[in-house]
Amino acid sequence: MVEKVKAVHYERRQSNQGCDVGRFGWKHAQKVNKFHKSFPEYRATPLVELKNLSQILGVADIYVKDESYRFGLNAFKVLGGSYCIGSYIANRLNMDMEELSYDQLVTDDTKEKLGKLTFVTATDGNHGRGIAWMASQVGQKSVVYMPKGSAEERLANIKALGADAEITELNYDDTVEMAQKKAEKNGWILLQDTAWEGYETIPDWIMQGYTTMAAEAVNQLQGVKPTHIFLQAGVGAMSGAITGFFADLYQDEERPRIIIVEPNKADCIYRTAEANDGCLHIVEGDMDTIMAGLACGKPCTIGWNILKDYADDFVSIPDYVAAKGMRILGNPIGTDKRIVSGESGASTLGVVAEIMQNGELNWLKQQLHLDSDSQVLCFSTEGDTERKNYRDIVWDGKYAVPQ
């Protein structure tokens, strides 16, 4: 059976009716960005305007934030991992996070005060790579567990940063549970952006770290206000943080329409939105999707609380839509700049193109009010983190539109 694009709409709440998003807003994001700017590797990643593509698709403009350049790690996740570890260290040393910089983190004095720490996490790849990189920067150990089916290339990238890493025989959520148990048994520090009751401080720090990406985008837009923002979701941490940022920035009258995108086979946010019964809905099993970074079955409680109040639409997509996005970004039109975007990274641009080109989705085009006046913002959250699969899709047409 061919999978279909599915969507559910939420009526918009006013800011005074929703949860507080100030800690993800513009003011706090400046503090987060200041921390990231203290790193020698810091550069604002490009915001690419795709004017020729926008003309082809019939919208006013399309902007794509290209996170393949982030800290040389080919994905945005290090923003959350670095800010989280920084916040943990500041808290442990009774320091104000606003006063902490990279130079202070890497001093022998800081390392001596901290002693030996071990950070542990479960990851599909990008988050674990960010944690491993940051742990190595501050002279601490990291342990990384990956779910069944994870790419060997991603494992090798994590190991190259000094982490003890392995691929398990478990799905993502069971791997998270395994990491949690290892942390409890060994006295390690668990670093996940998945939040649950009793475990919210660290996921909150990770989510705050992601807001650097949004703050950069606003500066780069130079006054252009998006009408539509498409955000991909795994557990909903990144999408929740960025939704909170824009809800705080633009408030009710000017707030862009925010659309959350997930793979059909791991659409826990979509299912939770569709049920709308006050409960979180879990996807179990292998979650076999090319969008490995989004193959998560349990929603983040913090992320969902923001999304249910401030996101407008929730969309579930087949793999071929993400693959289409990869091919479009990798084969630009005219003077548009090429973007190397991985399976999860290209999912949002893919769904924009599919909606605007597929007549069977006119109902969704109308639901989202996508038209010639739309200013669309997407975040390409990763580059070619699994290069062979990238080439198979972009060069050889793997996961083409089913006939």
Protein backbone atom coordinates (compact mmCIF):
# COMPACT_ATOMS: atom_id res chain seq x y z
CA MET A 1 0.00 0.00 0.00
CA VAL A 2 1.36 3.42 -0.99
CA GLU A 3 1.66 5.76 1.98
CA LYS A 4 -0.16 9.08 1.73
CA VAL A 5 0.46 12.57 3.01
CA LYS A 6 -1.81 13.14 6.01
CA ALA A 7 -2.50 16.30 7.97
CA VAL A 8 -4.46 17.63 10.91
CA HIS A 9 -5.17 21.29 11.71
CA TYR A 10 -5.28 22.93 15.14
CA GLU A 11 -7.20 26.13 15.74
CA ARG A 12 -4.80 28.83 16.85
CA ARG A 13 -4.63 29.84 20.50
CA GLN A 14 -3.71 33.34 21.60
CA SER A 15 -0.46 33.82 23.51
CA ASN A 16 -2.26 34.48 26.77
CA GLN A 17 -3.93 31.07 26.43
CA GLY A 18 -0.78 29.05 25.74
CA CYS A 19 2.15 27.87 27.81
CA ASP A 20 5.00 30.25 28.62
CA VAL A 21 7.66 30.22 25.89
CA GLY A 22 9.84 33.06 27.16
CA ARG A 23 12.81 30.79 27.86
CA PHE A 24 12.91 29.98 24.13
CA GLY A 25 12.23 33.53 22.98
CA TRP A 26 14.33 36.21 21.33
CA LYS A 27 15.77 37.69 24.53
CA HIS A 28 17.00 34.39 25.92
CA ALA A 29 18.15 33.21 22.49
CA GLN A 30 20.61 36.13 22.44
CA LYS A 31 22.23 34.71 25.58
CA VAL A 32 22.38 31.25 24.04
CA ASN A 33 23.86 32.67 20.86
CA LYS A 34 26.48 34.58 22.87
CA PHE A 35 27.62 31.27 24.36
CA HIS A 36 27.86 29.63 20.93
CA LYS A 37 29.71 32.63 19.51
CA SER A 38 32.48 32.07 22.07
CA PHE A 39 33.50 28.84 20.27
CA PRO A 40 36.37 29.12 17.76
CA GLU A 41 34.32 27.04 15.27
CA TYR A 42 31.30 29.33 15.38
CA ARG A 43 29.97 30.78 12.16
CA ALA A 44 26.34 31.61 11.45
CA THR A 45 25.14 28.98 8.99
CA PRO A 46 23.83 30.22 5.62
CA LEU A 47 20.23 31.21 5.00
CA VAL A 48 19.69 30.43 1.32
CA GLU A 49 17.04 32.24 -0.71
CA LEU A 50 15.65 30.03 -3.48
CA LYS A 51 13.96 32.57 -5.75
CA ASN A 52 13.88 30.42 -8.87
CA LEU A 53 12.42 27.46 -7.01
CA SER A 54 9.79 29.69 -5.43
CA GLN A 55 8.69 30.82 -8.90
CA ILE A 56 8.42 27.22 -10.10
CA LEU A 57 6.37 26.22 -7.04
CA GLY A 58 4.17 29.30 -7.08
CA VAL A 59 5.03 30.96 -3.78
CA ALA A 60 6.50 34.40 -3.09
CA ASP A 61 9.81 33.16 -1.72
CA ILE A 62 11.53 30.21 -0.06
CA TYR A 63 14.32 30.48 2.48
CA VAL A 64 16.29 27.45 3.71
CA LYS A 65 18.61 27.54 6.72
CA ASP A 66 21.50 25.24 5.80
CA GLU A 67 22.79 23.52 8.95
CA SER A 68 25.27 21.30 7.12
CA TYR A 69 27.90 23.92 7.98
CA ARG A 70 27.36 23.86 11.76
CA PHE A 71 30.66 23.56 13.65
CA GLY A 72 32.00 21.26 10.93
CA LEU A 73 29.66 18.50 12.14
CA ASN A 74 27.17 18.50 9.24
CA ALA A 75 24.09 19.00 11.45
CA PHE A 76 22.44 21.40 13.89
CA LYS A 77 22.32 19.06 16.87
CA VAL A 78 25.59 20.27 18.39
CA LEU A 79 23.80 23.51 19.28
CA GLY A 80 21.70 21.66 21.84
CA GLY A 81 24.44 19.34 23.03
CA SER A 82 26.97 22.11 23.58
CA TYR A 83 24.56 24.41 25.41
CA CYS A 84 23.32 21.54 27.54
CA ILE A 85 26.80 20.44 28.63
CA GLY A 86 27.76 24.07 29.21
CA SER A 87 24.66 24.58 31.36
CA TYR A 88 25.33 21.36 33.28
CA ILE A 89 28.91 22.45 34.02
CA ALA A 90 27.84 25.96 35.02
CA ASN A 91 25.23 24.52 37.35
CA ARG A 92 27.72 22.08 38.86
CA LEU A 93 30.26 24.85 39.48
CA ASN A 94 27.61 27.30 40.78
CA MET A 95 28.34 29.67 37.91
CA ASP A 96 25.99 31.92 35.95
CA MET A 97 25.57 30.42 32.48
CA GLU A 98 25.58 33.94 31.01
CA GLU A 99 29.15 34.37 32.22
CA LEU A 100 30.42 31.04 30.87
CA SER A 101 32.41 30.93 27.64
CA TYR A 102 34.26 28.31 25.65
CA ASP A 103 37.61 29.54 26.94
CA GLN A 104 36.49 29.02 30.54
CA LEU A 105 35.09 25.57 29.80
CA VAL A 106 38.36 24.20 28.48
CA THR A 107 40.72 25.47 31.18
CA ASP A 108 42.65 23.03 33.37
CA ASP A 109 41.11 24.73 36.40
CA THR A 110 37.58 23.91 35.22
CA LYS A 111 38.54 20.33 34.44
CA GLU A 112 40.12 19.93 37.88
CA LYS A 113 37.03 21.28 39.65
CA LEU A 114 34.75 18.95 37.68
CA GLY A 115 36.78 15.79 38.01
CA LYS A 116 36.00 12.92 35.66
CA LEU A 117 32.51 12.92 34.16
CA THR A 118 30.82 10.59 31.70
CA PHE A 119 28.01 11.83 29.48
CA VAL A 120 25.75 9.19 27.96
CA THR A 121 23.12 9.46 25.26
CA ALA A 122 21.04 7.55 22.74
CA THR A 123 21.02 8.86 19.20
CA ASP A 124 20.26 8.16 15.55
CA GLY A 125 23.54 9.92 14.79
CA ASN A 126 23.57 13.72 14.80
CA HIS A 127 22.82 14.30 18.49
CA GLY A 128 25.39 11.72 19.56
CA ARG A 129 28.01 13.27 17.33
CA GLY A 130 27.35 16.66 18.90
CA ILE A 131 27.59 15.24 22.42
CA ALA A 132 30.79 13.37 21.61
CA TRP A 133 32.33 16.52 20.10
CA MET A 134 31.42 18.70 23.08
CA ALA A 135 32.55 16.12 25.62
CA SER A 136 35.93 15.93 23.89
CA GLN A 137 36.20 19.73 23.93
CA VAL A 138 35.81 19.86 27.72
CA GLY A 139 38.02 16.83 28.34
CA GLN A 140 35.27 14.46 29.47
CA LYS A 141 34.13 10.99 28.42
CA SER A 142 31.05 10.20 26.33
CA VAL A 143 29.16 6.97 25.75
CA VAL A 144 26.77 6.79 22.80
CA TYR A 145 24.18 4.11 22.03
CA MET A 146 22.51 3.94 18.62
CA PRO A 147 19.33 2.11 17.60
CA LYS A 148 19.14 -0.91 15.35
CA GLY A 149 19.68 -0.05 11.69
CA SER A 150 21.84 3.01 12.35
CA ALA A 151 24.38 3.77 9.64
CA GLU A 152 27.93 2.55 10.18
CA GLU A 153 29.19 5.88 8.80
CA ARG A 154 27.40 7.76 11.56
CA LEU A 155 28.80 5.36 14.15
CA ALA A 156 32.32 5.88 12.78
CA ASN A 157 31.92 9.67 12.92
CA ILE A 158 30.97 9.46 16.60
CA LYS A 159 33.82 7.11 17.47
CA ALA A 160 36.27 9.40 15.69
CA LEU A 161 35.49 12.04 18.32
CA GLY A 162 36.58 9.73 21.14
CA ALA A 163 33.24 8.36 22.26
CA ASP A 164 32.58 4.79 23.30
CA ALA A 165 29.80 4.02 20.83
CA GLU A 166 27.84 1.03 19.58
CA ILE A 167 24.74 0.11 17.57
CA THR A 168 22.20 -1.81 19.62
CA GLU A 169 19.50 -4.28 18.60
CA LEU A 170 16.79 -1.95 19.95
CA ASN A 171 14.62 0.75 18.40
CA TYR A 172 15.26 4.39 19.27
CA ASP A 173 12.99 4.67 22.30
CA ASP A 174 14.21 1.41 23.80
CA THR A 175 17.77 2.61 23.25
CA VAL A 176 16.94 5.78 25.20
CA GLU A 177 15.65 3.57 28.02
CA MET A 178 18.86 1.55 27.88
CA ALA A 179 20.97 4.71 28.13
CA GLN A 180 18.88 5.86 31.08
CA LYS A 181 19.47 2.59 32.92
CA LYS A 182 23.21 2.72 32.19
CA ALA A 183 23.32 6.26 33.57
CA GLU A 184 21.54 5.24 36.76
CA LYS A 185 23.74 2.18 37.26
CA ASN A 186 27.09 3.88 36.56
CA GLY A 187 26.52 7.41 37.83
CA TRP A 188 26.72 8.88 34.32
CA ILE A 189 24.94 12.03 33.13
CA LEU A 190 22.11 11.27 30.70
CA LEU A 191 21.76 13.84 27.90
CA GLN A 192 18.53 13.42 25.91
CA ASP A 193 16.20 15.90 24.27
CA THR A 194 13.37 13.50 25.05
CA ALA A 195 11.66 14.73 28.21
CA TRP A 196 9.44 12.81 30.62
CA GLU A 197 8.13 13.35 34.13
CA GLY A 198 11.11 13.88 36.41
CA TYR A 199 13.53 14.42 33.52
CA GLU A 200 13.02 17.87 32.06
CA THR A 201 15.89 20.17 33.04
CA ILE A 202 18.45 18.69 30.63
CA PRO A 203 16.02 18.42 27.67
CA ASP A 204 15.03 22.03 28.36
CA TRP A 205 18.67 23.12 28.12
CA ILE A 206 19.10 21.19 24.88
CA MET A 207 16.02 22.83 23.40
CA GLN A 208 17.21 26.29 24.40
CA GLY A 209 20.46 25.55 22.57
CA TYR A 210 18.54 25.08 19.32
CA THR A 211 17.26 28.67 19.43
CA THR A 212 20.61 29.98 18.13
CA MET A 213 19.54 28.60 14.76
CA ALA A 214 16.30 30.60 14.80
CA ALA A 215 17.92 33.80 16.04
CA GLU A 216 20.45 33.64 13.21
CA ALA A 217 17.67 33.11 10.68
CA VAL A 218 15.77 36.18 11.86
CA ASN A 219 18.87 38.34 11.56
CA GLN A 220 19.55 36.95 8.08
CA LEU A 221 15.97 37.55 6.92
CA GLN A 222 16.61 41.30 7.37
CA GLY A 223 13.06 42.23 8.19
CA VAL A 224 11.26 39.69 5.99
CA LYS A 225 8.55 37.99 8.05
CA PRO A 226 7.79 34.41 7.07
CA THR A 227 4.16 33.56 6.57
CA HIS A 228 4.86 29.82 6.86
CA ILE A 229 7.52 27.94 8.85
CA PHE A 230 7.92 24.22 8.25
CA LEU A 231 9.66 22.28 11.04
CA GLN A 232 10.54 18.58 11.10
CA ALA A 233 9.91 16.60 14.27
CA GLY A 234 11.36 13.49 15.85
CA VAL A 235 10.47 13.73 19.54
CA GLY A 236 9.42 17.35 18.97
CA ALA A 237 12.25 19.05 20.88
CA MET A 238 13.71 21.12 18.04
CA SER A 239 10.31 21.88 16.54
CA GLY A 240 8.97 22.81 19.98
CA ALA A 241 11.89 25.12 20.72
CA ILE A 242 11.72 26.89 17.35
CA THR A 243 7.94 27.15 17.54
CA GLY A 244 8.31 28.72 20.99
CA PHE A 245 10.91 31.14 19.67
CA PHE A 246 8.70 32.43 16.86
CA ALA A 247 5.58 32.49 19.05
CA ASP A 248 7.46 34.75 21.47
CA LEU A 249 8.99 36.89 18.72
CA TYR A 250 5.97 37.64 16.56
CA GLN A 251 3.10 37.28 19.03
CA ASP A 252 -0.46 36.65 17.87
CA GLU A 253 -1.21 39.00 15.00
CA GLU A 254 2.07 38.50 13.16
CA ARG A 255 2.84 34.91 14.10
CA PRO A 256 3.68 32.77 11.07
CA ARG A 257 1.73 29.62 10.37
CA ILE A 258 3.80 26.77 11.80
CA ILE A 259 3.61 23.33 10.20
CA ILE A 260 5.17 20.25 11.84
CA VAL A 261 6.40 17.46 9.53
CA GLU A 262 7.11 13.81 10.43
CA PRO A 263 7.66 10.48 8.66
CA ASN A 264 4.59 8.25 8.36
CA LYS A 265 6.37 5.45 10.18
CA ALA A 266 7.34 7.52 13.21
CA ASP A 267 4.63 10.18 13.46
CA CYS A 268 4.07 10.28 17.22
CA ILE A 269 3.45 14.05 17.22
CA TYR A 270 0.93 13.76 14.37
CA ARG A 271 -0.89 10.90 16.11
CA THR A 272 -0.98 12.84 19.36
CA ALA A 273 -2.37 15.88 17.55
CA GLU A 274 -4.90 13.80 15.64
CA ALA A 275 -6.20 12.07 18.77
CA ASN A 276 -6.40 15.39 20.66
CA ASP A 277 -7.37 13.56 23.82
CA GLY A 278 -4.85 14.97 26.27
CA CYS A 279 -2.60 11.92 26.02
CA LEU A 280 0.73 11.36 24.30
CA HIS A 281 0.52 8.72 21.58
CA ILE A 282 3.48 6.41 21.00
CA VAL A 283 4.68 4.69 17.84
CA GLU A 284 6.24 1.30 18.53
CA GLY A 285 8.30 -1.14 16.47
CA ASP A 286 11.21 -0.58 14.11
CA MET A 287 10.01 2.74 12.60
CA ASP A 288 11.71 1.89 9.31
CA THR A 289 12.06 5.27 7.58
CA ILE A 290 14.89 6.91 5.65
CA MET A 291 14.44 9.92 7.95
CA ALA A 292 16.60 8.35 10.66
CA GLY A 293 16.89 11.54 12.67
CA LEU A 294 13.09 11.66 12.96
CA ALA A 295 12.55 7.96 13.76
CA CYS A 296 11.35 8.53 17.31
CA GLY A 297 8.22 7.04 18.82
CA LYS A 298 7.68 8.99 22.06
CA PRO A 299 6.93 12.73 22.05
CA CYS A 300 8.99 15.05 24.24
CA THR A 301 6.63 16.40 26.91
CA ILE A 302 8.12 19.91 26.82
CA GLY A 303 8.03 20.02 23.02
CA TRP A 304 4.45 18.78 22.79
CA ASN A 305 3.20 21.30 25.36
CA ILE A 306 4.50 24.08 23.11
CA LEU A 307 3.34 22.53 19.83
CA LYS A 308 -0.21 21.91 20.98
CA ASP A 309 -0.54 25.58 21.92
CA TYR A 310 1.37 27.28 19.09
CA ALA A 311 1.70 24.99 16.04
CA ASP A 312 -1.06 25.19 13.44
CA ASP A 313 -0.78 22.01 11.38
CA PHE A 314 0.74 18.55 11.76
CA VAL A 315 1.72 16.63 8.62
CA SER A 316 2.77 12.99 8.23
CA ILE A 317 4.72 12.16 5.06
CA PRO A 318 6.02 9.09 3.17
CA ASP A 319 9.74 8.65 2.59
CA TYR A 320 9.51 9.62 -1.09
CA VAL A 321 8.59 13.19 -0.08
CA ALA A 322 11.84 13.63 1.85
CA ALA A 323 13.77 12.05 -1.02
CA LYS A 324 12.15 14.53 -3.41
CA GLY A 325 13.30 17.37 -1.17
CA MET A 326 16.87 16.06 -1.25
CA ARG A 327 16.88 15.94 -5.04
CA ILE A 328 15.40 19.42 -5.41
CA LEU A 329 17.89 21.01 -3.02
CA GLY A 330 20.79 19.10 -4.57
CA ASN A 331 19.84 20.15 -8.13
CA PRO A 332 19.08 23.88 -7.96
CA ILE A 333 17.29 25.89 -10.60
CA GLY A 334 19.18 28.67 -12.40
CA THR A 335 21.17 30.82 -9.98
CA ASP A 336 19.74 29.20 -6.85
CA LYS A 337 22.44 27.88 -4.53
CA ARG A 338 22.86 24.11 -4.10
CA ILE A 339 22.10 22.71 -0.64
CA VAL A 340 23.34 19.29 0.38
CA SER A 341 20.53 18.10 2.62
CA GLY A 342 20.05 14.71 4.22
CA GLU A 343 16.89 12.65 4.58
CA SER A 344 15.60 14.39 7.70
CA GLY A 345 16.93 17.79 6.66
CA ALA A 346 15.09 17.88 3.34
CA SER A 347 11.73 16.63 4.63
CA THR A 348 10.20 20.08 5.02
CA LEU A 349 11.21 21.44 1.61
CA GLY A 350 10.05 18.14 0.14
CA VAL A 351 6.57 18.53 1.57
CA VAL A 352 6.33 22.15 0.36
CA ALA A 353 7.17 21.02 -3.17
CA GLU A 354 4.83 18.03 -3.01
CA ILE A 355 1.91 20.15 -1.82
CA MET A 356 2.44 22.77 -4.51
CA GLN A 357 2.94 20.27 -7.36
CA ASN A 358 0.63 17.39 -6.55
CA GLY A 359 -2.96 18.16 -7.51
CA GLU A 360 -4.20 15.43 -5.15
CA LEU A 361 -2.98 17.63 -2.28
CA ASN A 362 -4.93 20.75 -3.25
CA TRP A 363 -6.96 20.23 -0.08
CA LEU A 364 -3.78 20.63 1.98
CA LYS A 365 -2.57 23.59 -0.08
CA GLN A 366 -5.87 25.31 0.72
CA GLN A 367 -5.75 24.24 4.36
CA LEU A 368 -2.30 25.77 4.79
CA HIS A 369 -3.13 28.87 2.70
CA LEU A 370 -0.01 28.32 0.60
CA ASP A 371 -0.17 30.67 -2.37
CA SER A 372 1.69 33.30 -4.38
CA ASP A 373 1.95 35.55 -1.31
CA SER A 374 3.58 32.93 0.92
CA GLN A 375 7.04 33.54 2.37
CA VAL A 376 8.27 30.08 3.36
CA LEU A 377 11.04 29.28 5.85
CA CYS A 378 12.53 25.77 6.19
CA PHE A 379 15.43 24.42 8.22
CA SER A 380 17.69 21.89 6.53
CA THR A 381 18.87 20.35 9.77
CA GLU A 382 21.58 18.08 8.34
CA GLY A 383 23.80 17.50 5.35
CA ASP A 384 24.83 14.18 3.84
CA THR A 385 25.46 12.41 7.15
CA GLU A 386 25.21 9.05 5.36
CA ARG A 387 26.91 9.74 2.04
CA LYS A 388 26.16 6.50 0.22
CA ASN A 389 22.46 6.78 0.90
CA TYR A 390 22.58 10.43 -0.14
CA ARG A 391 24.08 9.46 -3.50
CA ASP A 392 21.64 6.56 -3.93
CA ILE A 393 18.76 8.98 -3.53
CA VAL A 394 20.05 12.07 -5.35
CA TRP A 395 22.02 10.31 -8.10
CA ASP A 396 20.13 7.09 -8.66
CA GLY A 397 16.56 8.02 -7.79
CA LYS A 398 16.13 5.70 -4.82
CA TYR A 399 12.79 6.28 -3.06
CA ALA A 400 11.28 7.91 -6.13
CA VAL A 401 7.58 8.79 -6.18
CA PRO A 402 5.66 5.48 -6.32
CA GLN A 403 3.62 4.89 -9.47
